[in-house]
Amino acid sequence: MARRRKNRTHLKGGVASNPGTAEGVPKSFVIKHGQVGTSLTQLVRDVRKVMEPNTASRLKERTRNKLKDFFTMAPALGVTHLLAFTLTDVAPSFRIVRLSAGPTLSFRVERYSLVKDVMKISRRAHSLGSVEYLSPPLLVLASFPQPGPSTPPHLSLLMKTFQTLFPPLAPHTLSLSSARRVVLISYDAERGTVDFRHYLITVKPYGVSKRVRRVLEGASTKSSAKGHLDLGNEKDVADFFLRRKGEPGPGASDGYESAASSASSAAGDDADAVSLADDYVGRNNKKGQKRAVKLDEIGPRMELRLIKITESVPGKEGAVIYHQFVKRTKAETATQKAEHRAKEKLRKQRREEQERNIQRKKELATQNKAPNAAENEEDEGDEEDLDEDLREQSDGGGGEYEGDGAWDDDEDISGDEHEGSDSEEADEESSESEVFRPPPKKPKLRSKY
């Protein structure tokens, strides 16, 4: 049997070969918190796919895990954001936490659709692999008001939060082939909600009809077999390339139409076409070619309503920057800030006092350790003197000490006959004493029954 060859599964070159692991790139945890249903669990998996590759896609939460556990583990792994889903009595809740000091944005999930739901209603369902998720998506913010004096401050913070979730866009260093997905965040001013959409970028030939485009792309139709076009129902090749199915051509008895009219109707106007600045994925998508760029939605969808913004992370007291249902006056806001400052000052004083107590205990321990060490040294000196006296007594007042187990060359090992008889008599006496010795009493065993 041939020996199985092991393939390397780790990256070569470290950060240089994988730009997503470079420093400064935001990383995230997408988790579910508390008891949630299967639908919300699947939504967590779909959002993890959106945030790849800079997220823990195989993170497994346990029921005993708390948010504090993730906050403790995040700094060691370089995680900058925590996206937590939970289920409340009103609706699912979604929180974006900026680690490690905040702020925290709390949303209510008004409506959502999973990836499988979007694929079912799509006319052209795409089978996505792992290649599309090797690079982070591009972020597009739409319908947000321009920052200004009249703009609510929470909207600016909302935009900044979504911008920090994804790596910043660098047009001069961005590779065109790495732009595979788009995340669209649009703000609805009438409803006061934020729409979350996820799209796949597709590039198609421009200036040709739909049927010619099928030949150029090499895509198989539903009626085709093994990627070949089915022309069995057509009388001529022109019926397939120049005529719409079931529709006669304008002003012609033979039913044909011009290639220009078919191409213009299929490809659209020039606003949809761009010239590729570099080679792109797909057949014949070379640099300088004119192509039509389209977005195909792959899910998930979410309609979010911002409820609250706090300064700190969950579990720590922080000032409320914005709340949709609770409105505070300027005096109440100033009072709240003063209370938070007083609590923070008290917390700082307690921390300093604790550090002083720890330092004082360490100094006392070192002081108590010094006299104990001196006493131990004196005791060790007395023990050494005692050992020397015992050696002198065993040597007989001096001389070289020999062990009891040392053999002498002149010593007779066998011994005399008298010595042997004496030893035999002693053995017999010892054996007789052993015979008349009464046996030990056995302990009585008590039955359990």
Protein backbone atom coordinates (compact mmCIF):
# COMPACT_ATOMS: atom_id res chain seq x y z
CA MET A 1 0.00 0.00 0.00
CA ALA A 2 1.36 3.38 -0.97
CA ARG A 3 2.32 5.71 1.82
CA ARG A 4 -0.08 8.57 2.32
CA ARG A 5 1.45 11.95 1.68
CA LYS A 6 0.68 14.61 4.22
CA ASN A 7 -0.20 18.06 2.93
CA ARG A 8 0.63 21.16 4.90
CA THR A 9 -2.40 22.77 6.43
CA HIS A 10 -0.76 25.86 7.94
CA LEU A 11 0.15 29.09 6.23
CA LYS A 12 3.60 29.72 4.87
CA GLY A 13 5.27 33.03 5.47
CA GLY A 14 3.09 34.13 8.38
CA VAL A 15 1.63 37.61 8.07
CA ALA A 16 3.14 38.29 4.68
CA SER A 17 1.20 35.49 3.00
CA ASN A 18 -2.06 36.17 4.82
CA PRO A 19 -2.91 39.89 4.97
CA GLY A 20 -5.88 39.23 7.23
CA THR A 21 -3.61 38.38 10.14
CA ALA A 22 -1.67 41.63 10.02
CA GLU A 23 -1.68 44.00 12.93
CA GLY A 24 -4.37 46.67 12.95
CA VAL A 25 -6.94 44.45 11.19
CA PRO A 26 -10.17 44.21 13.24
CA LYS A 27 -11.06 40.72 14.48
CA SER A 28 -14.35 39.63 15.94
CA PHE A 29 -16.21 37.04 17.98
CA VAL A 30 -19.77 36.23 16.85
CA ILE A 31 -21.56 34.39 19.64
CA LYS A 32 -25.00 33.51 20.94
CA HIS A 33 -25.77 34.23 24.57
CA GLY A 34 -28.37 32.38 26.61
CA GLN A 35 -31.08 30.06 25.35
CA VAL A 36 -31.85 30.69 21.67
CA GLY A 37 -33.67 28.69 19.03
CA THR A 38 -32.31 26.88 16.01
CA SER A 39 -33.16 29.75 13.67
CA LEU A 40 -31.14 32.29 15.66
CA THR A 41 -28.28 29.78 15.98
CA GLN A 42 -28.18 29.49 12.20
CA LEU A 43 -28.18 33.29 11.95
CA VAL A 44 -25.05 33.35 14.13
CA ARG A 45 -23.34 30.93 11.71
CA ASP A 46 -24.36 33.04 8.71
CA VAL A 47 -23.00 36.23 10.28
CA ARG A 48 -19.73 34.43 10.97
CA LYS A 49 -19.49 33.66 7.27
CA VAL A 50 -19.98 37.35 6.53
CA MET A 51 -17.20 38.37 8.93
CA GLU A 52 -14.66 35.86 7.57
CA PRO A 53 -11.71 35.54 7.43
CA ASN A 54 -11.11 37.80 10.44
CA THR A 55 -13.40 35.96 12.85
CA ALA A 56 -13.49 32.75 14.87
CA SER A 57 -15.62 30.70 12.48
CA ARG A 58 -15.38 27.51 14.58
CA LEU A 59 -15.98 29.07 17.97
CA LYS A 60 -18.11 26.82 20.20
CA GLU A 61 -20.03 28.39 23.04
CA ARG A 62 -21.06 26.47 26.12
CA THR A 63 -24.09 27.04 28.29
CA ARG A 64 -21.96 27.93 31.29
CA ASN A 65 -19.93 30.54 29.37
CA LYS A 66 -20.62 34.16 30.22
CA LEU A 67 -19.74 37.38 28.45
CA LYS A 68 -16.97 37.94 30.99
CA ASP A 69 -15.21 34.80 29.73
CA PHE A 70 -15.05 36.18 26.20
CA PHE A 71 -13.89 39.58 27.47
CA THR A 72 -11.04 37.89 29.33
CA MET A 73 -9.98 35.74 26.38
CA ALA A 74 -10.28 38.43 23.67
CA PRO A 75 -7.12 40.53 24.38
CA ALA A 76 -4.82 37.50 24.16
CA LEU A 77 -6.23 36.65 20.70
CA GLY A 78 -6.25 40.23 19.41
CA VAL A 79 -10.06 40.38 19.15
CA THR A 80 -11.41 43.93 18.81
CA HIS A 81 -15.18 43.39 18.52
CA LEU A 82 -17.78 41.12 20.06
CA LEU A 83 -21.07 40.50 18.24
CA ALA A 84 -23.58 38.85 20.58
CA PHE A 85 -27.07 37.56 19.75
CA THR A 86 -29.62 36.77 22.43
CA LEU A 87 -33.35 36.14 22.59
CA THR A 88 -35.64 38.36 24.66
CA ASP A 89 -39.39 38.36 25.27
CA VAL A 90 -39.95 41.10 22.70
CA ALA A 91 -37.56 40.20 19.85
CA PRO A 92 -34.03 38.95 19.21
CA SER A 93 -31.33 41.30 20.46
CA PHE A 94 -28.01 42.09 18.81
CA ARG A 95 -25.10 43.87 20.50
CA ILE A 96 -21.84 45.18 19.07
CA VAL A 97 -19.19 45.62 21.78
CA ARG A 98 -15.95 47.47 21.10
CA LEU A 99 -13.23 45.83 23.15
CA SER A 100 -11.85 46.39 25.58
CA ALA A 101 -13.40 49.60 26.95
CA GLY A 102 -16.52 50.14 24.83
CA PRO A 103 -18.79 51.56 23.57
CA THR A 104 -21.63 49.04 23.34
CA LEU A 105 -24.41 49.38 20.77
CA SER A 106 -27.63 47.46 21.46
CA PHE A 107 -30.00 46.68 18.57
CA ARG A 108 -33.37 45.03 18.26
CA VAL A 109 -33.60 42.63 15.32
CA GLU A 110 -36.94 43.57 13.74
CA ARG A 111 -36.72 41.07 10.87
CA TYR A 112 -34.11 38.73 9.48
CA SER A 113 -33.66 36.14 6.74
CA LEU A 114 -31.13 33.33 6.67
CA VAL A 115 -28.84 32.43 3.79
CA LYS A 116 -30.97 29.43 2.84
CA ASP A 117 -34.10 31.62 2.69
CA VAL A 118 -32.41 34.14 0.39
CA MET A 119 -31.18 31.35 -1.88
CA LYS A 120 -34.68 29.91 -2.21
CA ILE A 121 -36.19 33.13 -3.52
CA SER A 122 -33.22 33.98 -5.74
CA ARG A 123 -33.57 33.41 -9.47
CA ARG A 124 -29.88 32.60 -9.83
CA ALA A 125 -28.72 30.65 -6.79
CA HIS A 126 -24.93 30.59 -6.44
CA SER A 127 -23.08 27.67 -4.91
CA LEU A 128 -20.44 29.45 -2.86
CA GLY A 129 -17.20 27.77 -1.93
CA SER A 130 -14.40 28.73 0.42
CA VAL A 131 -12.61 30.96 -2.12
CA GLU A 132 -15.08 33.82 -1.75
CA TYR A 133 -14.41 33.99 2.00
CA LEU A 134 -10.62 34.16 1.86
CA SER A 135 -10.73 37.97 1.70
CA PRO A 136 -12.82 40.36 3.81
CA PRO A 137 -15.87 42.03 2.26
CA LEU A 138 -16.05 45.63 1.11
CA LEU A 139 -18.19 47.94 3.27
CA VAL A 140 -20.69 50.33 1.68
CA LEU A 141 -22.61 52.85 3.82
CA ALA A 142 -25.73 54.25 2.15
CA SER A 143 -28.39 56.86 3.04
CA PHE A 144 -26.59 58.06 6.16
CA PRO A 145 -26.76 61.85 6.72
CA GLN A 146 -23.61 63.85 6.33
CA PRO A 147 -21.89 64.77 9.62
CA GLY A 148 -22.85 68.28 10.68
CA PRO A 149 -24.35 70.39 13.47
CA SER A 150 -27.87 69.22 12.69
CA THR A 151 -26.93 65.54 12.46
CA PRO A 152 -27.77 63.47 15.59
CA PRO A 153 -24.53 62.44 17.29
CA HIS A 154 -25.57 58.81 17.66
CA LEU A 155 -25.70 58.38 13.86
CA SER A 156 -22.07 59.43 13.51
CA LEU A 157 -21.11 56.92 16.20
CA LEU A 158 -23.20 54.27 14.44
CA MET A 159 -21.35 54.84 11.17
CA LYS A 160 -17.98 54.76 12.92
CA THR A 161 -18.85 51.46 14.61
CA PHE A 162 -19.67 49.70 11.35
CA GLN A 163 -16.56 51.15 9.72
CA THR A 164 -14.32 49.68 12.42
CA LEU A 165 -15.88 46.22 12.01
CA PHE A 166 -14.15 45.69 8.66
CA PRO A 167 -10.61 46.42 7.45
CA PRO A 168 -10.13 49.90 5.97
CA LEU A 169 -10.21 50.13 2.20
CA ALA A 170 -6.90 51.01 0.52
CA PRO A 171 -7.53 51.52 -3.24
CA HIS A 172 -3.83 51.84 -4.10
CA THR A 173 -2.85 48.52 -2.53
CA LEU A 174 -6.10 46.57 -2.99
CA SER A 175 -5.95 43.60 -5.34
CA LEU A 176 -8.92 43.54 -7.72
CA SER A 177 -9.26 39.76 -7.52
CA SER A 178 -9.71 39.97 -3.72
CA ALA A 179 -12.87 42.11 -4.04
CA ARG A 180 -15.42 39.29 -4.03
CA ARG A 181 -18.12 40.39 -1.58
CA VAL A 182 -19.91 43.56 -0.45
CA VAL A 183 -21.66 44.35 2.84
CA LEU A 184 -24.27 47.09 2.46
CA ILE A 185 -25.37 49.07 5.53
CA SER A 186 -28.21 51.45 4.65
CA TYR A 187 -30.10 53.77 6.98
CA ASP A 188 -33.86 54.25 6.64
CA ALA A 189 -34.70 57.70 7.99
CA GLU A 190 -38.48 57.15 7.90
CA ARG A 191 -38.46 53.95 9.92
CA GLY A 192 -35.31 54.74 11.89
CA THR A 193 -33.80 51.32 11.14
CA VAL A 194 -30.60 49.99 9.64
CA ASP A 195 -30.70 47.40 6.85
CA PHE A 196 -27.91 44.81 6.67
CA ARG A 197 -27.30 43.14 3.29
CA HIS A 198 -24.61 40.81 1.94
CA TYR A 199 -23.82 40.56 -1.80
CA LEU A 200 -21.54 38.65 -4.15
CA ILE A 201 -19.77 40.58 -6.92
CA THR A 202 -20.27 39.04 -10.37
CA VAL A 203 -18.65 40.19 -13.64
CA LYS A 204 -20.32 39.43 -16.97
CA PRO A 205 -19.53 40.21 -20.61
CA TYR A 206 -20.94 43.48 -21.91
CA GLY A 207 -22.40 44.28 -25.32
CA VAL A 208 -23.67 40.79 -26.20
CA SER A 209 -27.00 39.07 -25.80
CA LYS A 210 -27.83 36.72 -22.98
CA ARG A 211 -27.47 33.62 -25.14
CA VAL A 212 -24.12 34.66 -26.54
CA ARG A 213 -23.04 35.40 -22.98
CA ARG A 214 -23.84 31.80 -22.06
CA VAL A 215 -21.49 30.59 -24.76
CA LEU A 216 -18.72 32.97 -23.65
CA GLU A 217 -19.07 32.13 -19.97
CA GLY A 218 -19.38 28.40 -20.58
CA ALA A 219 -22.32 28.15 -18.19
CA SER A 220 -24.73 25.28 -18.65
CA THR A 221 -28.48 25.82 -18.83
CA LYS A 222 -31.18 23.71 -17.21
CA SER A 223 -31.85 21.84 -20.46
CA SER A 224 -28.20 21.30 -21.32
CA ALA A 225 -26.25 18.13 -20.61
CA LYS A 226 -22.61 18.08 -19.53
CA GLY A 227 -22.18 21.78 -20.22
CA HIS A 228 -23.25 21.65 -23.90
CA LEU A 229 -25.98 23.86 -25.33
CA ASP A 230 -29.14 22.15 -26.50
CA LEU A 231 -30.00 23.30 -30.06
CA GLY A 232 -32.27 20.39 -30.93
CA ASN A 233 -35.43 22.51 -31.03
CA GLU A 234 -33.93 25.22 -33.24
CA LYS A 235 -34.11 25.14 -37.05
CA ASP A 236 -31.05 27.33 -37.44
CA VAL A 237 -28.20 28.59 -35.28
CA ALA A 238 -29.55 32.11 -35.82
CA ASP A 239 -32.72 31.10 -33.98
CA PHE A 240 -30.65 30.69 -30.83
CA PHE A 241 -28.32 33.70 -31.11
CA LEU A 242 -30.48 36.38 -32.78
CA ARG A 243 -34.05 35.73 -31.67
CA ARG A 244 -35.79 35.78 -28.37
CA LYS A 245 -37.55 32.62 -27.46
CA GLY A 246 -41.23 32.72 -28.50
CA GLU A 247 -41.06 36.30 -29.79
CA PRO A 248 -40.84 37.23 -33.50
CA GLY A 249 -38.46 39.91 -34.69
CA PRO A 250 -39.79 43.44 -35.34
CA GLY A 251 -40.98 43.96 -38.96
CA ALA A 252 -39.68 40.64 -40.21
CA SER A 253 -41.65 37.62 -41.41
CA ASP A 254 -38.88 35.16 -40.59
CA GLY A 255 -38.90 36.03 -36.88
CA TYR A 256 -35.28 37.22 -36.67
CA GLU A 257 -34.05 40.36 -34.92
CA SER A 258 -30.81 42.26 -35.13
CA ALA A 259 -27.90 41.41 -32.88
CA ALA A 260 -27.57 45.05 -31.81
CA SER A 261 -31.13 45.26 -30.51
CA SER A 262 -30.79 41.99 -28.62
CA ALA A 263 -27.45 43.05 -27.16
CA SER A 264 -28.68 46.44 -26.03
CA SER A 265 -31.76 44.97 -24.40
CA ALA A 266 -29.76 42.32 -22.57
CA ALA A 267 -26.71 44.29 -21.51
CA GLY A 268 -28.29 47.60 -20.49
CA ASP A 269 -26.77 51.05 -20.78
CA ASP A 270 -23.14 52.11 -20.52
CA ALA A 271 -23.52 53.08 -16.86
CA ASP A 272 -23.37 49.41 -15.86
CA ALA A 273 -20.13 48.72 -17.74
CA VAL A 274 -16.58 49.29 -16.47
CA SER A 275 -13.13 48.61 -17.85
CA LEU A 276 -11.24 46.14 -15.67
CA ALA A 277 -8.13 47.70 -14.14
CA ASP A 278 -6.62 44.27 -13.53
CA ASP A 279 -7.30 40.59 -14.16
CA TYR A 280 -10.41 39.32 -12.37
CA VAL A 281 -11.71 35.86 -11.57
CA GLY A 282 -13.72 34.17 -14.30
CA ARG A 283 -13.32 33.31 -17.94
CA ASN A 284 -11.91 36.02 -20.24
CA ASN A 285 -11.97 38.68 -17.50
CA LYS A 286 -8.65 40.19 -18.46
CA LYS A 287 -7.22 43.61 -17.84
CA GLY A 288 -8.77 46.33 -20.05
CA GLN A 289 -11.85 44.29 -21.00
CA LYS A 290 -15.24 46.00 -20.78
CA ARG A 291 -17.49 44.12 -18.36
CA ALA A 292 -20.81 44.60 -16.60
CA VAL A 293 -20.58 44.41 -12.80
CA LYS A 294 -23.60 43.15 -10.87
CA LEU A 295 -24.37 42.26 -7.25
CA ASP A 296 -26.13 39.02 -6.35
CA GLU A 297 -27.51 38.83 -2.82
CA ILE A 298 -26.36 35.77 -0.90
CA GLY A 299 -27.67 36.65 2.60
CA PRO A 300 -28.25 36.98 5.42
CA ARG A 301 -30.59 39.96 5.77
CA MET A 302 -31.25 41.90 8.95
CA GLU A 303 -33.34 44.91 9.84
CA LEU A 304 -31.88 46.47 12.98
CA ARG A 305 -33.26 49.18 15.25
CA LEU A 306 -30.80 51.00 17.50
CA ILE A 307 -32.03 50.98 21.10
CA LYS A 308 -29.16 52.11 23.32
CA ILE A 309 -25.50 53.17 23.29
CA THR A 310 -23.40 52.95 26.45
CA GLU A 311 -19.82 54.01 27.04
CA SER A 312 -18.51 50.79 28.61
CA VAL A 313 -18.83 47.05 28.01
CA PRO A 314 -21.67 44.95 29.50
CA GLY A 315 -21.15 44.21 33.17
CA LYS A 316 -19.54 47.57 33.94
CA GLU A 317 -21.34 50.78 34.78
CA GLY A 318 -21.06 53.41 32.11
CA ALA A 319 -22.90 56.51 31.00
CA VAL A 320 -25.75 56.10 28.54
CA ILE A 321 -24.94 58.09 25.41
CA TYR A 322 -28.21 57.42 23.59
CA HIS A 323 -31.50 55.72 24.38
CA GLN A 324 -34.46 55.59 22.07
CA PHE A 325 -37.20 55.31 24.70
CA VAL A 326 -35.65 57.17 27.66
CA LYS A 327 -34.99 60.87 27.23
CA ARG A 328 -33.02 62.84 29.80
CA THR A 329 -32.72 66.54 30.36
CA LYS A 330 -29.39 68.32 30.52
CA ALA A 331 -29.58 68.49 34.32
CA GLU A 332 -30.26 64.75 34.60
CA THR A 333 -27.43 64.02 32.20
CA ALA A 334 -25.02 66.17 34.23
CA THR A 335 -26.12 64.45 37.45
CA GLN A 336 -25.57 61.03 35.89
CA LYS A 337 -22.09 61.99 34.71
CA ALA A 338 -21.23 63.29 38.18
CA GLU A 339 -22.34 59.99 39.74
CA HIS A 340 -20.23 58.00 37.31
CA ARG A 341 -17.21 60.20 38.02
CA ALA A 342 -17.66 59.74 41.77
CA LYS A 343 -17.94 55.95 41.38
CA GLU A 344 -14.88 55.85 39.16
CA LYS A 345 -12.92 57.94 41.68
CA LEU A 346 -13.95 55.64 44.52
CA ARG A 347 -12.99 52.58 42.48
CA LYS A 348 -9.58 54.10 41.77
CA GLN A 349 -8.99 54.88 45.46
CA ARG A 350 -9.87 51.34 46.46
CA ARG A 351 -7.55 49.93 43.85
CA GLU A 352 -4.65 52.12 45.07
CA GLU A 353 -5.37 51.16 48.70
CA GLN A 354 -5.35 47.49 47.76
CA GLU A 355 -2.02 47.85 45.99
CA ARG A 356 -0.55 49.58 49.06
CA ASN A 357 -1.78 46.80 51.33
CA ILE A 358 -0.22 44.17 49.08
CA GLN A 359 3.10 46.03 49.06
CA ARG A 360 3.05 46.38 52.86
CA LYS A 361 2.40 42.65 53.32
CA LYS A 362 5.29 41.81 51.00
CA GLU A 363 7.66 44.03 53.03
CA LEU A 364 6.55 42.41 56.32
CA ALA A 365 7.10 38.98 54.82
CA THR A 366 10.66 39.85 53.77
CA GLN A 367 11.43 41.31 57.22
CA ASN A 368 10.16 38.18 59.01
CA LYS A 369 12.06 35.97 56.63
CA ALA A 370 15.49 37.50 57.46
CA PRO A 371 15.74 36.50 61.25
CA ASN A 372 14.26 33.08 60.48
CA ALA A 373 16.99 32.53 57.91
CA ALA A 374 19.70 33.44 60.50
CA GLU A 375 18.25 30.99 63.06
CA ASN A 376 18.18 28.24 60.45
CA GLU A 377 21.86 28.84 59.66
CA GLU A 378 22.78 28.50 63.40
CA ASP A 379 20.81 25.26 63.69
CA GLU A 380 22.56 23.88 60.65
CA GLY A 381 25.98 24.75 62.20
CA ASP A 382 25.11 22.89 65.44
CA GLU A 383 24.03 19.83 63.44
CA GLU A 384 27.34 19.82 61.56
CA ASP A 385 29.33 19.91 64.87
CA LEU A 386 27.29 17.03 66.23
CA ASP A 387 27.96 14.96 63.11
CA GLU A 388 31.72 15.55 63.46
CA ASP A 389 31.69 14.36 67.13
CA LEU A 390 29.87 11.19 66.17
CA ARG A 391 32.41 10.44 63.45
CA GLU A 392 35.31 10.86 65.89
CA GLN A 393 33.70 8.44 68.38
CA SER A 394 33.11 5.82 65.71
CA ASP A 395 36.73 6.10 64.48
CA GLY A 396 38.08 5.36 67.97
CA GLY A 397 39.64 8.70 68.56
CA GLY A 398 40.97 9.21 65.10
CA GLY A 399 42.06 7.18 62.13
CA GLU A 400 40.49 6.26 58.85
CA TYR A 401 36.88 5.17 58.93
CA GLU A 402 35.98 1.88 57.21
CA GLY A 403 32.49 0.74 56.49
CA ASP A 404 31.02 -2.39 58.08
CA GLY A 405 30.37 -3.98 54.72
CA ALA A 406 34.03 -3.90 53.51
CA TRP A 407 35.70 -7.27 52.78
CA ASP A 408 39.21 -8.24 54.04
CA ASP A 409 41.39 -10.36 51.73
CA ASP A 410 42.92 -12.39 54.66
CA GLU A 411 39.52 -13.22 56.19
CA ASP A 412 38.40 -16.86 56.03
CA ILE A 413 34.88 -16.85 54.66
CA SER A 414 34.06 -20.55 55.45
CA GLY A 415 35.00 -20.48 59.20
CA ASP A 416 35.93 -23.34 61.69
CA GLU A 417 34.00 -26.53 62.39
CA HIS A 418 33.22 -25.43 65.94
CA GLU A 419 31.89 -22.22 64.63
CA GLY A 420 29.74 -24.15 62.20
CA SER A 421 28.38 -26.47 64.96
CA ASP A 422 27.64 -23.53 67.21
CA SER A 423 25.72 -21.91 64.42
CA GLU A 424 23.77 -25.13 63.76
CA GLU A 425 22.81 -25.42 67.44
CA ALA A 426 21.69 -21.83 67.43
CA ASP A 427 19.59 -22.48 64.34
CA GLU A 428 17.99 -25.51 65.96
CA GLU A 429 17.15 -23.55 69.11
CA SER A 430 15.64 -20.78 67.05
CA SER A 431 13.62 -23.29 65.01
CA GLU A 432 12.31 -24.98 68.20
CA SER A 433 11.34 -21.62 69.63
CA GLU A 434 9.48 -20.90 66.43
CA VAL A 435 7.63 -24.22 66.59
CA PHE A 436 6.27 -23.73 70.13
CA ARG A 437 5.32 -20.12 69.52
CA PRO A 438 1.51 -19.81 69.55
CA PRO A 439 -0.07 -18.57 66.34
CA PRO A 440 -1.55 -15.06 66.28
CA LYS A 441 -5.26 -14.74 66.79
CA LYS A 442 -7.25 -14.08 63.65
CA PRO A 443 -9.76 -11.22 63.76
CA LYS A 444 -13.37 -12.24 63.70
CA LEU A 445 -15.22 -11.41 60.52
CA ARG A 446 -18.69 -10.00 60.89
CA SER A 447 -21.22 -10.83 58.24
CA LYS A 448 -23.14 -8.02 56.64
CA TYR A 449 -26.30 -10.08 56.55
